[in-house]
Full PDB file with SEQRES, HELIX, SHEET, SSBOND, CRYST1, ORIGX, SCALE, CONECT and MASTER records, all heavy atoms in Angstrom:
SEQRES   1 A   39  ASP LEU GLY GLU VAL ARG THR LEU LEU VAL ALA ASP ASP          
SEQRES   2 A   39  TRP LEU HIS ARG GLY VAL GLY ARG ALA ILE VAL GLU ALA          
SEQRES   3 A   39  LEU GLU ALA ASN ALA ARG GLU LEU GLY LEU THR ARG LEU          
HELIX    1 AA1 ASP A   12  TRP A   14  5                                   3    
HELIX    2 AA2 VAL A   19  GLU A   33  1                                  15    
CRYST1    1.000    1.000    1.000  90.00  90.00  90.00 P 1           1          
ORIGX1      1.000000  0.000000  0.000000        0.00000                         
ORIGX2      0.000000  1.000000  0.000000        0.00000                         
ORIGX3      0.000000  0.000000  1.000000        0.00000                         
SCALE1      1.000000  0.000000  0.000000        0.00000                         
SCALE2      0.000000  1.000000  0.000000        0.00000                         
SCALE3      0.000000  0.000000  1.000000        0.00000                         
ATOM      1  N   ASP A   1     -66.211  85.023 -52.617  1.00  0.00           N  
ATOM      2  CA  ASP A   1     -65.080  84.358 -53.277  1.00  0.00           C  
ATOM      3  C   ASP A   1     -64.624  83.103 -52.557  1.00  0.00           C  
ATOM      4  O   ASP A   1     -63.621  82.507 -52.915  1.00  0.00           O  
ATOM      5  CB  ASP A   1     -63.899  85.329 -53.349  1.00  0.00           C  
ATOM      6  CG  ASP A   1     -63.376  85.708 -51.962  1.00  0.00           C  
ATOM      7  OD1 ASP A   1     -64.153  85.663 -50.984  1.00  0.00           O  
ATOM      8  OD2 ASP A   1     -62.183  86.034 -51.844  1.00  0.00           O  
ATOM      9  N   LEU A   2     -65.355  82.688 -51.524  1.00  0.00           N  
ATOM     10  CA  LEU A   2     -64.862  81.672 -50.600  1.00  0.00           C  
ATOM     11  C   LEU A   2     -65.870  80.554 -50.393  1.00  0.00           C  
ATOM     12  O   LEU A   2     -67.048  80.809 -50.117  1.00  0.00           O  
ATOM     13  CB  LEU A   2     -64.565  82.348 -49.249  1.00  0.00           C  
ATOM     14  CG  LEU A   2     -64.047  81.490 -48.120  1.00  0.00           C  
ATOM     15  CD1 LEU A   2     -62.669  80.928 -48.451  1.00  0.00           C  
ATOM     16  CD2 LEU A   2     -63.985  82.320 -46.830  1.00  0.00           C  
ATOM     17  N   GLY A   3     -65.380  79.322 -50.519  1.00  0.00           N  
ATOM     18  CA  GLY A   3     -66.207  78.150 -50.234  1.00  0.00           C  
ATOM     19  C   GLY A   3     -65.463  77.200 -49.329  1.00  0.00           C  
ATOM     20  O   GLY A   3     -64.257  77.336 -49.109  1.00  0.00           O  
ATOM     21  N   GLU A   4     -66.191  76.218 -48.816  1.00  0.00           N  
ATOM     22  CA  GLU A   4     -65.591  75.215 -47.946  1.00  0.00           C  
ATOM     23  C   GLU A   4     -65.887  73.823 -48.476  1.00  0.00           C  
ATOM     24  O   GLU A   4     -67.019  73.516 -48.848  1.00  0.00           O  
ATOM     25  CB  GLU A   4     -66.152  75.326 -46.526  1.00  0.00           C  
ATOM     26  CG  GLU A   4     -65.568  74.289 -45.580  1.00  0.00           C  
ATOM     27  CD  GLU A   4     -66.156  74.310 -44.183  1.00  0.00           C  
ATOM     28  OE1 GLU A   4     -67.134  75.039 -43.944  1.00  0.00           O  
ATOM     29  OE2 GLU A   4     -65.621  73.588 -43.326  1.00  0.00           O  
ATOM     30  N   VAL A   5     -64.867  72.984 -48.491  1.00  0.00           N  
ATOM     31  CA  VAL A   5     -65.052  71.559 -48.758  1.00  0.00           C  
ATOM     32  C   VAL A   5     -65.438  70.943 -47.420  1.00  0.00           C  
ATOM     33  O   VAL A   5     -64.692  71.046 -46.447  1.00  0.00           O  
ATOM     34  CB  VAL A   5     -63.758  70.914 -49.299  1.00  0.00           C  
ATOM     35  CG1 VAL A   5     -63.917  69.402 -49.408  1.00  0.00           C  
ATOM     36  CG2 VAL A   5     -63.389  71.515 -50.650  1.00  0.00           C  
ATOM     37  N   ARG A   6     -66.616  70.315 -47.398  1.00  0.00           N  
ATOM     38  CA  ARG A   6     -67.153  69.732 -46.169  1.00  0.00           C  
ATOM     39  C   ARG A   6     -67.475  68.260 -46.363  1.00  0.00           C  
ATOM     40  O   ARG A   6     -67.760  67.814 -47.475  1.00  0.00           O  
ATOM     41  CB  ARG A   6     -68.467  70.415 -45.772  1.00  0.00           C  
ATOM     42  CG  ARG A   6     -68.335  71.824 -45.325  1.00  0.00           C  
ATOM     43  CD  ARG A   6     -69.664  72.366 -44.862  1.00  0.00           C  
ATOM     44  NE  ARG A   6     -69.471  73.667 -44.235  1.00  0.00           N  
ATOM     45  CZ  ARG A   6     -70.442  74.396 -43.741  1.00  0.00           C  
ATOM     46  NH1 ARG A   6     -71.698  73.959 -43.791  1.00  0.00           N  
ATOM     47  NH2 ARG A   6     -70.185  75.556 -43.178  1.00  0.00           N  
ATOM     48  N   THR A   7     -67.495  67.547 -45.267  1.00  0.00           N  
ATOM     49  CA  THR A   7     -68.002  66.180 -45.203  1.00  0.00           C  
ATOM     50  C   THR A   7     -67.423  65.309 -46.321  1.00  0.00           C  
ATOM     51  O   THR A   7     -68.145  64.613 -47.014  1.00  0.00           O  
ATOM     52  CB  THR A   7     -69.557  66.176 -45.229  1.00  0.00           C  
ATOM     53  OG1 THR A   7     -70.063  67.252 -44.442  1.00  0.00           O  
ATOM     54  CG2 THR A   7     -70.100  64.861 -44.691  1.00  0.00           C  
ATOM     55  N   LEU A   8     -66.110  65.376 -46.481  1.00  0.00           N  
ATOM     56  CA  LEU A   8     -65.434  64.537 -47.483  1.00  0.00           C  
ATOM     57  C   LEU A   8     -65.188  63.167 -46.859  1.00  0.00           C  
ATOM     58  O   LEU A   8     -64.452  63.051 -45.882  1.00  0.00           O  
ATOM     59  CB  LEU A   8     -64.119  65.186 -47.921  1.00  0.00           C  
ATOM     60  CG  LEU A   8     -63.345  64.421 -48.992  1.00  0.00           C  
ATOM     61  CD1 LEU A   8     -64.134  64.360 -50.295  1.00  0.00           C  
ATOM     62  CD2 LEU A   8     -61.988  65.056 -49.222  1.00  0.00           C  
ATOM     63  N   LEU A   9     -65.821  62.149 -47.416  1.00  0.00           N  
ATOM     64  CA  LEU A   9     -65.755  60.784 -46.895  1.00  0.00           C  
ATOM     65  C   LEU A   9     -65.578  59.798 -48.026  1.00  0.00           C  
ATOM     66  O   LEU A   9     -66.156  59.973 -49.102  1.00  0.00           O  
ATOM     67  CB  LEU A   9     -67.063  60.415 -46.184  1.00  0.00           C  
ATOM     68  CG  LEU A   9     -67.496  61.246 -45.001  1.00  0.00           C  
ATOM     69  CD1 LEU A   9     -68.933  60.930 -44.641  1.00  0.00           C  
ATOM     70  CD2 LEU A   9     -66.598  60.944 -43.825  1.00  0.00           C  
ATOM     71  N   VAL A  10     -64.819  58.756 -47.778  1.00  0.00           N  
ATOM     72  CA  VAL A  10     -64.669  57.655 -48.734  1.00  0.00           C  
ATOM     73  C   VAL A  10     -64.798  56.355 -47.948  1.00  0.00           C  
ATOM     74  O   VAL A  10     -64.182  56.203 -46.888  1.00  0.00           O  
ATOM     75  CB  VAL A  10     -63.311  57.713 -49.466  1.00  0.00           C  
ATOM     76  CG1 VAL A  10     -63.136  56.508 -50.383  1.00  0.00           C  
ATOM     77  CG2 VAL A  10     -63.188  59.016 -50.254  1.00  0.00           C  
ATOM     78  N   ALA A  11     -65.604  55.440 -48.470  1.00  0.00           N  
ATOM     79  CA  ALA A  11     -65.772  54.135 -47.828  1.00  0.00           C  
ATOM     80  C   ALA A  11     -64.412  53.447 -47.712  1.00  0.00           C  
ATOM     81  O   ALA A  11     -63.577  53.536 -48.616  1.00  0.00           O  
ATOM     82  CB  ALA A  11     -66.741  53.271 -48.634  1.00  0.00           C  
ATOM     83  N   ASP A  12     -64.201  52.749 -46.595  1.00  0.00           N  
ATOM     84  CA  ASP A  12     -62.908  52.099 -46.334  1.00  0.00           C  
ATOM     85  C   ASP A  12     -62.444  51.231 -47.499  1.00  0.00           C  
ATOM     86  O   ASP A  12     -61.264  51.237 -47.848  1.00  0.00           O  
ATOM     87  CB  ASP A  12     -62.978  51.250 -45.058  1.00  0.00           C  
ATOM     88  CG  ASP A  12     -63.035  52.105 -43.798  1.00  0.00           C  
ATOM     89  OD1 ASP A  12     -62.704  53.311 -43.871  1.00  0.00           O  
ATOM     90  OD2 ASP A  12     -63.407  51.561 -42.750  1.00  0.00           O  
ATOM     91  N   ASP A  13     -63.357  50.486 -48.110  1.00  0.00           N  
ATOM     92  CA  ASP A  13     -62.992  49.592 -49.223  1.00  0.00           C  
ATOM     93  C   ASP A  13     -62.510  50.350 -50.456  1.00  0.00           C  
ATOM     94  O   ASP A  13     -61.938  49.739 -51.360  1.00  0.00           O  
ATOM     95  CB  ASP A  13     -64.178  48.713 -49.632  1.00  0.00           C  
ATOM     96  CG  ASP A  13     -64.565  47.716 -48.558  1.00  0.00           C  
ATOM     97  OD1 ASP A  13     -63.797  47.548 -47.591  1.00  0.00           O  
ATOM     98  OD2 ASP A  13     -65.641  47.110 -48.690  1.00  0.00           O  
ATOM     99  N   TRP A  14     -62.776  51.646 -50.494  1.00  0.00           N  
ATOM    100  CA  TRP A  14     -62.433  52.443 -51.677  1.00  0.00           C  
ATOM    101  C   TRP A  14     -61.304  53.425 -51.426  1.00  0.00           C  
ATOM    102  O   TRP A  14     -60.971  54.224 -52.305  1.00  0.00           O  
ATOM    103  CB  TRP A  14     -63.682  53.162 -52.184  1.00  0.00           C  
ATOM    104  CG  TRP A  14     -64.624  52.218 -52.870  1.00  0.00           C  
ATOM    105  CD1 TRP A  14     -65.586  51.447 -52.300  1.00  0.00           C  
ATOM    106  CD2 TRP A  14     -64.649  51.925 -54.263  1.00  0.00           C  
ATOM    107  NE1 TRP A  14     -66.214  50.703 -53.259  1.00  0.00           N  
ATOM    108  CE2 TRP A  14     -65.663  50.974 -54.471  1.00  0.00           C  
ATOM    109  CE3 TRP A  14     -63.907  52.378 -55.364  1.00  0.00           C  
ATOM    110  CZ2 TRP A  14     -65.958  50.467 -55.733  1.00  0.00           C  
ATOM    111  CZ3 TRP A  14     -64.208  51.884 -56.617  1.00  0.00           C  
ATOM    112  CH2 TRP A  14     -65.223  50.927 -56.788  1.00  0.00           C  
ATOM    113  N   LEU A  15     -60.713  53.389 -50.237  1.00  0.00           N  
ATOM    114  CA  LEU A  15     -59.607  54.300 -49.940  1.00  0.00           C  
ATOM    115  C   LEU A  15     -58.415  54.028 -50.857  1.00  0.00           C  
ATOM    116  O   LEU A  15     -58.177  52.885 -51.252  1.00  0.00           O  
ATOM    117  CB  LEU A  15     -59.174  54.146 -48.482  1.00  0.00           C  
ATOM    118  CG  LEU A  15     -60.143  54.694 -47.437  1.00  0.00           C  
ATOM    119  CD1 LEU A  15     -59.691  54.302 -46.033  1.00  0.00           C  
ATOM    120  CD2 LEU A  15     -60.287  56.197 -47.558  1.00  0.00           C  
ATOM    121  N   HIS A  16     -57.679  55.075 -51.192  1.00  0.00           N  
ATOM    122  CA  HIS A  16     -56.448  54.996 -52.001  1.00  0.00           C  
ATOM    123  C   HIS A  16     -56.720  54.479 -53.416  1.00  0.00           C  
ATOM    124  O   HIS A  16     -55.855  53.838 -54.010  1.00  0.00           O  
ATOM    125  CB  HIS A  16     -55.380  54.147 -51.297  1.00  0.00           C  
ATOM    126  CG  HIS A  16     -55.152  54.571 -49.884  1.00  0.00           C  
ATOM    127  ND1 HIS A  16     -54.564  55.774 -49.567  1.00  0.00           N  
ATOM    128  CD2 HIS A  16     -55.476  53.978 -48.719  1.00  0.00           C  
ATOM    129  CE1 HIS A  16     -54.532  55.895 -48.250  1.00  0.00           C  
ATOM    130  NE2 HIS A  16     -55.077  54.830 -47.710  1.00  0.00           N  
ATOM    131  N   ARG A  17     -57.920  54.784 -53.922  1.00  0.00           N  
ATOM    132  CA  ARG A  17     -58.268  54.380 -55.287  1.00  0.00           C  
ATOM    133  C   ARG A  17     -58.723  55.573 -56.123  1.00  0.00           C  
ATOM    134  O   ARG A  17     -59.332  55.399 -57.163  1.00  0.00           O  
ATOM    135  CB  ARG A  17     -59.345  53.293 -55.238  1.00  0.00           C  
ATOM    136  CG  ARG A  17     -58.764  52.017 -54.602  1.00  0.00           C  
ATOM    137  CD  ARG A  17     -59.796  51.019 -54.213  1.00  0.00           C  
ATOM    138  NE  ARG A  17     -60.390  50.356 -55.378  1.00  0.00           N  
ATOM    139  CZ  ARG A  17     -61.308  49.406 -55.257  1.00  0.00           C  
ATOM    140  NH1 ARG A  17     -61.716  49.003 -54.073  1.00  0.00           N  
ATOM    141  NH2 ARG A  17     -61.817  48.853 -56.336  1.00  0.00           N  
ATOM    142  N   GLY A  18     -58.433  56.791 -55.637  1.00  0.00           N  
ATOM    143  CA  GLY A  18     -58.735  57.992 -56.411  1.00  0.00           C  
ATOM    144  C   GLY A  18     -60.109  58.584 -56.181  1.00  0.00           C  
ATOM    145  O   GLY A  18     -60.465  59.575 -56.809  1.00  0.00           O  
ATOM    146  N   VAL A  19     -60.890  57.998 -55.278  1.00  0.00           N  
ATOM    147  CA  VAL A  19     -62.253  58.477 -55.053  1.00  0.00           C  
ATOM    148  C   VAL A  19     -62.242  59.871 -54.416  1.00  0.00           C  
ATOM    149  O   VAL A  19     -62.914  60.785 -54.899  1.00  0.00           O  
ATOM    150  CB  VAL A  19     -63.063  57.483 -54.189  1.00  0.00           C  
ATOM    151  CG1 VAL A  19     -64.450  58.027 -53.865  1.00  0.00           C  
ATOM    152  CG2 VAL A  19     -63.163  56.125 -54.894  1.00  0.00           C  
ATOM    153  N   GLY A  20     -61.472  60.048 -53.341  1.00  0.00           N  
ATOM    154  CA  GLY A  20     -61.405  61.348 -52.680  1.00  0.00           C  
ATOM    155  C   GLY A  20     -60.894  62.430 -53.619  1.00  0.00           C  
ATOM    156  O   GLY A  20     -61.442  63.532 -53.665  1.00  0.00           O  
ATOM    157  N   ARG A  21     -59.850  62.097 -54.367  1.00  0.00           N  
ATOM    158  CA  ARG A  21     -59.301  63.057 -55.327  1.00  0.00           C  
ATOM    159  C   ARG A  21     -60.364  63.459 -56.349  1.00  0.00           C  
ATOM    160  O   ARG A  21     -60.530  64.641 -56.651  1.00  0.00           O  
ATOM    161  CB  ARG A  21     -58.083  62.461 -56.036  1.00  0.00           C  
ATOM    162  CG  ARG A  21     -57.467  63.429 -57.062  1.00  0.00           C  
ATOM    163  CD  ARG A  21     -56.297  62.812 -57.824  1.00  0.00           C  
ATOM    164  NE  ARG A  21     -56.782  61.728 -58.679  1.00  0.00           N  
ATOM    165  CZ  ARG A  21     -56.365  60.465 -58.639  1.00  0.00           C  
ATOM    166  NH1 ARG A  21     -55.435  60.093 -57.797  1.00  0.00           N  
ATOM    167  NH2 ARG A  21     -56.861  59.567 -59.443  1.00  0.00           N  
ATOM    168  N   ALA A  22     -61.107  62.480 -56.886  1.00  0.00           N  
ATOM    169  CA  ALA A  22     -62.134  62.773 -57.891  1.00  0.00           C  
ATOM    170  C   ALA A  22     -63.232  63.664 -57.315  1.00  0.00           C  
ATOM    171  O   ALA A  22     -63.716  64.586 -57.990  1.00  0.00           O  
ATOM    172  CB  ALA A  22     -62.719  61.475 -58.438  1.00  0.00           C  
ATOM    173  N   ILE A  23     -63.615  63.411 -56.078  1.00  0.00           N  
ATOM    174  CA  ILE A  23     -64.645  64.240 -55.446  1.00  0.00           C  
ATOM    175  C   ILE A  23     -64.135  65.670 -55.274  1.00  0.00           C  
ATOM    176  O   ILE A  23     -64.829  66.633 -55.618  1.00  0.00           O  
ATOM    177  CB  ILE A  23     -65.090  63.642 -54.096  1.00  0.00           C  
ATOM    178  CG1 ILE A  23     -65.822  62.306 -54.319  1.00  0.00           C  
ATOM    179  CG2 ILE A  23     -65.976  64.623 -53.332  1.00  0.00           C  
ATOM    180  CD1 ILE A  23     -66.047  61.510 -53.045  1.00  0.00           C  
ATOM    181  N   VAL A  24     -62.924  65.831 -54.758  1.00  0.00           N  
ATOM    182  CA  VAL A  24     -62.373  67.177 -54.547  1.00  0.00           C  
ATOM    183  C   VAL A  24     -62.231  67.912 -55.880  1.00  0.00           C  
ATOM    184  O   VAL A  24     -62.574  69.096 -55.981  1.00  0.00           O  
ATOM    185  CB  VAL A  24     -61.037  67.125 -53.775  1.00  0.00           C  
ATOM    186  CG1 VAL A  24     -60.354  68.488 -53.760  1.00  0.00           C  
ATOM    187  CG2 VAL A  24     -61.267  66.643 -52.348  1.00  0.00           C  
ATOM    188  N   GLU A  25     -61.759  67.235 -56.912  1.00  0.00           N  
ATOM    189  CA  GLU A  25     -61.635  67.878 -58.229  1.00  0.00           C  
ATOM    190  C   GLU A  25     -62.997  68.334 -58.741  1.00  0.00           C  
ATOM    191  O   GLU A  25     -63.117  69.434 -59.301  1.00  0.00           O  
ATOM    192  CB  GLU A  25     -60.962  66.930 -59.217  1.00  0.00           C  
ATOM    193  CG  GLU A  25     -59.476  66.759 -58.950  1.00  0.00           C  
ATOM    194  CD  GLU A  25     -58.817  65.683 -59.809  1.00  0.00           C  
ATOM    195  OE1 GLU A  25     -59.520  64.976 -60.589  1.00  0.00           O  
ATOM    196  OE2 GLU A  25     -57.578  65.525 -59.689  1.00  0.00           O  
ATOM    197  N   ALA A  26     -64.030  67.523 -58.548  1.00  0.00           N  
ATOM    198  CA  ALA A  26     -65.371  67.910 -58.993  1.00  0.00           C  
ATOM    199  C   ALA A  26     -65.910  69.074 -58.152  1.00  0.00           C  
ATOM    200  O   ALA A  26     -66.560  69.987 -58.686  1.00  0.00           O  
ATOM    201  CB  ALA A  26     -66.307  66.704 -58.925  1.00  0.00           C  
ATOM    202  N   LEU A  27     -65.635  69.065 -56.849  1.00  0.00           N  
ATOM    203  CA  LEU A  27     -66.052  70.188 -56.004  1.00  0.00           C  
ATOM    204  C   LEU A  27     -65.341  71.476 -56.418  1.00  0.00           C  
ATOM    205  O   LEU A  27     -65.948  72.550 -56.430  1.00  0.00           O  
ATOM    206  CB  LEU A  27     -65.785  69.884 -54.526  1.00  0.00           C  
ATOM    207  CG  LEU A  27     -66.649  68.792 -53.892  1.00  0.00           C  
ATOM    208  CD1 LEU A  27     -66.137  68.453 -52.502  1.00  0.00           C  
ATOM    209  CD2 LEU A  27     -68.114  69.193 -53.855  1.00  0.00           C  
ATOM    210  N   GLU A  28     -64.058  71.362 -56.770  1.00  0.00           N  
ATOM    211  CA  GLU A  28     -63.322  72.539 -57.234  1.00  0.00           C  
ATOM    212  C   GLU A  28     -63.922  73.071 -58.537  1.00  0.00           C  
ATOM    213  O   GLU A  28     -64.026  74.288 -58.720  1.00  0.00           O  
ATOM    214  CB  GLU A  28     -61.847  72.205 -57.438  1.00  0.00           C  
ATOM    215  CG  GLU A  28     -61.096  72.049 -56.141  1.00  0.00           C  
ATOM    216  CD  GLU A  28     -59.629  71.711 -56.342  1.00  0.00           C  
ATOM    217  OE1 GLU A  28     -59.118  71.790 -57.482  1.00  0.00           O  
ATOM    218  OE2 GLU A  28     -58.969  71.363 -55.340  1.00  0.00           O  
ATOM    219  N   ALA A  29     -64.309  72.184 -59.430  1.00  0.00           N  
ATOM    220  CA  ALA A  29     -64.950  72.614 -60.686  1.00  0.00           C  
ATOM    221  C   ALA A  29     -66.255  73.349 -60.374  1.00  0.00           C  
ATOM    222  O   ALA A  29     -66.542  74.399 -60.969  1.00  0.00           O  
ATOM    223  CB  ALA A  29     -65.196  71.415 -61.598  1.00  0.00           C  
ATOM    224  N   ASN A  30     -67.037  72.822 -59.438  1.00  0.00           N  
ATOM    225  CA  ASN A  30     -68.272  73.498 -59.039  1.00  0.00           C  
ATOM    226  C   ASN A  30     -67.965  74.865 -58.438  1.00  0.00           C  
ATOM    227  O   ASN A  30     -68.671  75.842 -58.711  1.00  0.00           O  
ATOM    228  CB  ASN A  30     -69.047  72.650 -58.019  1.00  0.00           C  
ATOM    229  CG  ASN A  30     -69.685  71.424 -58.625  1.00  0.00           C  
ATOM    230  OD1 ASN A  30     -69.631  71.203 -59.837  1.00  0.00           O  
ATOM    231  ND2 ASN A  30     -70.275  70.599 -57.782  1.00  0.00           N  
ATOM    232  N   ALA A  31     -66.921  74.948 -57.628  1.00  0.00           N  
ATOM    233  CA  ALA A  31     -66.542  76.221 -57.016  1.00  0.00           C  
ATOM    234  C   ALA A  31     -66.194  77.252 -58.093  1.00  0.00           C  
ATOM    235  O   ALA A  31     -66.615  78.408 -58.007  1.00  0.00           O  
ATOM    236  CB  ALA A  31     -65.364  76.018 -56.064  1.00  0.00           C  
ATOM    237  N   ARG A  32     -65.440  76.818 -59.084  1.00  0.00           N  
ATOM    238  CA  ARG A  32     -65.085  77.742 -60.182  1.00  0.00           C  
ATOM    239  C   ARG A  32     -66.341  78.206 -60.922  1.00  0.00           C  
ATOM    240  O   ARG A  32     -66.454  79.379 -61.283  1.00  0.00           O  
ATOM    241  CB  ARG A  32     -64.111  77.062 -61.140  1.00  0.00           C  
ATOM    242  CG  ARG A  32     -62.709  76.948 -60.589  1.00  0.00           C  
ATOM    243  CD  ARG A  32     -61.744  76.324 -61.616  1.00  0.00           C  
ATOM    244  NE  ARG A  32     -60.454  76.104 -61.023  1.00  0.00           N  
ATOM    245  CZ  ARG A  32     -60.063  74.961 -60.459  1.00  0.00           C  
ATOM    246  NH1 ARG A  32     -60.872  73.915 -60.438  1.00  0.00           N  
ATOM    247  NH2 ARG A  32     -58.863  74.859 -59.925  1.00  0.00           N  
ATOM    248  N   GLU A  33     -67.281  77.292 -61.154  1.00  0.00           N  
ATOM    249  CA  GLU A  33     -68.544  77.649 -61.827  1.00  0.00           C  
ATOM    250  C   GLU A  33     -69.303  78.709 -61.039  1.00  0.00           C  
ATOM    251  O   GLU A  33     -69.986  79.542 -61.619  1.00  0.00           O  
ATOM    252  CB  GLU A  33     -69.431  76.406 -61.978  1.00  0.00           C  
ATOM    253  CG  GLU A  33     -69.006  75.470 -63.081  1.00  0.00           C  
ATOM    254  CD  GLU A  33     -69.319  76.025 -64.457  1.00  0.00           C  
ATOM    255  OE1 GLU A  33     -70.432  76.567 -64.654  1.00  0.00           O  
ATOM    256  OE2 GLU A  33     -68.446  75.909 -65.338  1.00  0.00           O  
ATOM    257  N   LEU A  34     -69.177  78.658 -59.723  1.00  0.00           N  
ATOM    258  CA  LEU A  34     -69.852  79.623 -58.860  1.00  0.00           C  
ATOM    259  C   LEU A  34     -69.061  80.919 -58.700  1.00  0.00           C  
ATOM    260  O   LEU A  34     -69.499  81.829 -58.015  1.00  0.00           O  
ATOM    261  CB  LEU A  34     -70.114  78.999 -57.481  1.00  0.00           C  
ATOM    262  CG  LEU A  34     -71.136  77.869 -57.465  1.00  0.00           C  
ATOM    263  CD1 LEU A  34     -71.120  77.156 -56.110  1.00  0.00           C  
ATOM    264  CD2 LEU A  34     -72.530  78.391 -57.782  1.00  0.00           C  
ATOM    265  N   GLY A  35     -67.877  80.982 -59.302  1.00  0.00           N  
ATOM    266  CA  GLY A  35     -67.058  82.184 -59.227  1.00  0.00           C  
ATOM    267  C   GLY A  35     -66.207  82.274 -57.975  1.00  0.00           C  
ATOM    268  O   GLY A  35     -65.677  83.344 -57.659  1.00  0.00           O  
ATOM    269  N   LEU A  36     -66.058  81.170 -57.260  1.00  0.00           N  
ATOM    270  CA  LEU A  36     -65.230  81.185 -56.059  1.00  0.00           C  
ATOM    271  C   LEU A  36     -63.760  81.123 -56.450  1.00  0.00           C  
ATOM    272  O   LEU A  36     -63.404  80.472 -57.429  1.00  0.00           O  
ATOM    273  CB  LEU A  36     -65.579  80.004 -55.149  1.00  0.00           C  
ATOM    274  CG  LEU A  36     -67.044  79.898 -54.724  1.00  0.00           C  
ATOM    275  CD1 LEU A  36     -67.251  78.686 -53.838  1.00  0.00           C  
ATOM    276  CD2 LEU A  36     -67.509  81.166 -54.030  1.00  0.00           C  
ATOM    277  N   THR A  37     -62.927  81.778 -55.681  1.00  0.00           N  
ATOM    278  CA  THR A  37     -61.484  81.775 -55.960  1.00  0.00           C  
ATOM    279  C   THR A  37     -60.668  81.149 -54.836  1.00  0.00           C  
ATOM    280  O   THR A  37     -59.465  80.964 -54.982  1.00  0.00           O  
ATOM    281  CB  THR A  37     -60.969  83.206 -56.216  1.00  0.00           C  
ATOM    282  OG1 THR A  37     -61.264  84.017 -55.076  1.00  0.00           O  
ATOM    283  CG2 THR A  37     -61.616  83.803 -57.465  1.00  0.00           C  
ATOM    284  N   ARG A  38     -61.326  80.844 -53.702  1.00  0.00           N  
ATOM    285  CA  ARG A  38     -60.621  80.221 -52.580  1.00  0.00           C  
ATOM    286  C   ARG A  38     -61.498  79.125 -51.990  1.00  0.00           C  
ATOM    287  O   ARG A  38     -62.714  79.287 -51.877  1.00  0.00           O  
ATOM    288  CB  ARG A  38     -60.305  81.249 -51.488  1.00  0.00           C  
ATOM    289  CG  ARG A  38     -59.401  82.376 -51.964  1.00  0.00           C  
ATOM    290  CD  ARG A  38     -59.059  83.348 -50.855  1.00  0.00           C  
ATOM    291  NE  ARG A  38     -60.258  83.992 -50.337  1.00  0.00           N  
ATOM    292  CZ  ARG A  38     -60.322  84.608 -49.154  1.00  0.00           C  
ATOM    293  NH1 ARG A  38     -59.264  84.670 -48.375  1.00  0.00           N  
ATOM    294  NH2 ARG A  38     -61.433  85.173 -48.748  1.00  0.00           N  
ATOM    295  N   LEU A  39     -60.839  78.044 -51.595  1.00  0.00           N  
ATOM    296  CA  LEU A  39     -61.526  76.942 -50.919  1.00  0.00           C  
ATOM    297  C   LEU A  39     -60.864  76.681 -49.580  1.00  0.00           C  
ATOM    298  O   LEU A  39     -59.642  76.578 -49.497  1.00  0.00           O  
ATOM    299  CB  LEU A  39     -61.474  75.657 -51.752  1.00  0.00           C  
ATOM    300  CG  LEU A  39     -62.468  75.518 -52.876  1.00  0.00           C  
ATOM    301  CD1 LEU A  39     -62.287  74.168 -53.570  1.00  0.00           C  
ATOM    302  CD2 LEU A  39     -63.897  75.672 -52.367  1.00  0.00           C  
TER     303      LEU A  39                                                      
MASTER        0    0    0    2    0    0    0    6  302    1    0    3          
END                                                                             
């Protein structure tokens, strides 16, 4: 039921433009697909 978000990086030029948020949201969607309930 448990996964880890690892190696989350955003290029300096792209910071504060929603890139990190979009990556985390997509990772969470993948976690749900795998049946994980905690990250």
